[in-house]
Amino acid sequence: MIVRTHAIHFHPQQKLIQFLQDHLDKLETFYNHFQKSEVYLRVNNEPLNNKTVEIRLDLPGIQLFASRKAESFEAGIIGATNSLKSQLKKLKNKIVKKHHRG
């Protein structure tokens, strides 16, 4: 999967980029037809939960999106990818049901 990462107001370390890539790769166990993903990592001017992670997955004919605010980018990545995992499971169940009916 092609991953385009945009860091806003900071320069991410390679360790963070690898952490993100590893979690996105795990999503492919639930659905393996990803075309690309766009990830926005943003530092907010807030005292708590000042990191925002937004992930958009492009699949054939559909886009999935998740956003999380957290104390760290790692926690935001975990939260956003867990949300996407749940969306992917629902999508896969919908596709399976459609094929069994039709």
Protein backbone atom coordinates (compact mmCIF):
# COMPACT_ATOMS: atom_id res chain seq x y z
CA MET A 1 0.00 0.00 0.00
CA ILE A 2 1.21 3.49 -0.80
CA VAL A 3 1.29 5.63 2.35
CA ARG A 4 1.58 9.41 2.07
CA THR A 5 2.39 10.98 5.41
CA HIS A 6 2.00 14.69 6.09
CA ALA A 7 3.44 16.05 9.32
CA ILE A 8 2.12 19.48 10.24
CA HIS A 9 4.10 21.77 12.56
CA PHE A 10 6.88 19.23 13.22
CA HIS A 11 9.35 16.81 11.60
CA PRO A 12 8.61 13.16 12.50
CA GLN A 13 11.36 10.75 13.46
CA GLN A 14 11.80 7.63 11.37
CA LYS A 15 10.74 5.56 14.40
CA LEU A 16 7.29 7.19 14.33
CA ILE A 17 6.94 6.67 10.57
CA GLN A 18 7.84 2.99 11.00
CA PHE A 19 5.32 2.65 13.87
CA LEU A 20 2.63 4.10 11.59
CA GLN A 21 3.59 1.83 8.68
CA ASP A 22 3.53 -1.26 10.90
CA HIS A 23 0.01 -0.47 12.14
CA LEU A 24 -1.28 0.26 8.63
CA ASP A 25 0.25 -3.00 7.38
CA LYS A 26 -1.72 -4.90 10.04
CA LEU A 27 -4.95 -3.55 8.53
CA GLU A 28 -4.22 -5.53 5.37
CA THR A 29 -5.02 -8.74 7.28
CA PHE A 30 -8.67 -7.59 7.37
CA TYR A 31 -8.93 -6.31 3.80
CA ASN A 32 -6.15 -6.41 1.23
CA HIS A 33 -7.38 -4.20 -1.60
CA PHE A 34 -5.99 -0.87 -0.43
CA GLN A 35 -4.94 1.53 -3.13
CA LYS A 36 -3.30 4.16 -0.94
CA SER A 37 -3.58 5.98 2.34
CA GLU A 38 -3.14 9.59 3.40
CA VAL A 39 -2.02 10.27 6.96
CA TYR A 40 -1.95 13.65 8.66
CA LEU A 41 0.00 14.04 11.89
CA ARG A 42 -0.66 17.37 13.54
CA VAL A 43 0.52 19.11 16.72
CA ASN A 44 -2.30 21.22 18.16
CA ASN A 45 -1.97 24.26 20.40
CA GLU A 46 -3.82 22.63 23.32
CA PRO A 47 -2.62 21.65 26.79
CA LEU A 48 -4.04 18.09 26.73
CA ASN A 49 -4.42 15.63 23.88
CA ASN A 50 -2.44 17.95 21.64
CA LYS A 51 -1.60 15.39 18.95
CA THR A 52 -4.04 14.61 16.13
CA VAL A 53 -3.80 11.65 13.77
CA GLU A 54 -6.06 11.50 10.69
CA ILE A 55 -5.96 8.52 8.35
CA ARG A 56 -7.82 8.11 5.07
CA LEU A 57 -7.77 4.74 3.31
CA ASP A 58 -8.63 4.56 -0.36
CA LEU A 59 -10.20 1.30 -1.45
CA PRO A 60 -11.80 0.55 -4.81
CA GLY A 61 -14.98 2.64 -4.85
CA ILE A 62 -14.87 3.74 -1.22
CA GLN A 63 -12.87 5.79 1.28
CA LEU A 64 -12.60 5.12 5.00
CA PHE A 65 -11.56 7.79 7.49
CA ALA A 66 -10.56 7.89 11.15
CA SER A 67 -9.29 10.69 13.35
CA ARG A 68 -7.97 10.60 16.92
CA LYS A 69 -6.64 13.16 19.37
CA ALA A 70 -4.24 11.83 21.99
CA GLU A 71 -1.34 12.65 24.31
CA SER A 72 1.09 11.00 21.87
CA PHE A 73 1.15 10.21 18.17
CA GLU A 74 1.56 6.52 18.97
CA ALA A 75 -1.68 6.49 21.00
CA GLY A 76 -3.44 8.41 18.22
CA ILE A 77 -2.20 5.95 15.58
CA ILE A 78 -3.40 2.99 17.65
CA GLY A 79 -6.83 4.60 18.18
CA ALA A 80 -7.27 5.57 14.52
CA THR A 81 -6.16 2.19 13.18
CA ASN A 82 -8.47 0.39 15.65
CA SER A 83 -11.35 2.50 14.33
CA LEU A 84 -10.37 1.64 10.74
CA LYS A 85 -10.12 -2.05 11.66
CA SER A 86 -13.71 -1.96 12.87
CA GLN A 87 -14.83 -0.14 9.70
CA LEU A 88 -13.03 -2.73 7.56
CA LYS A 89 -14.69 -5.62 9.40
CA LYS A 90 -18.13 -4.04 8.81
CA LEU A 91 -17.32 -3.48 5.14
CA LYS A 92 -16.10 -7.05 4.70
CA ASN A 93 -19.24 -8.45 6.39
CA LYS A 94 -21.40 -6.30 4.12
CA ILE A 95 -19.59 -7.60 1.03
CA VAL A 96 -19.88 -11.22 2.19
CA LYS A 97 -23.62 -10.84 2.88
CA LYS A 98 -24.13 -9.26 -0.53
CA HIS A 99 -22.37 -12.16 -2.29
CA HIS A 100 -24.35 -14.78 -0.36
CA ARG A 101 -27.66 -13.16 -1.33
CA GLY A 102 -26.85 -12.45 -4.89
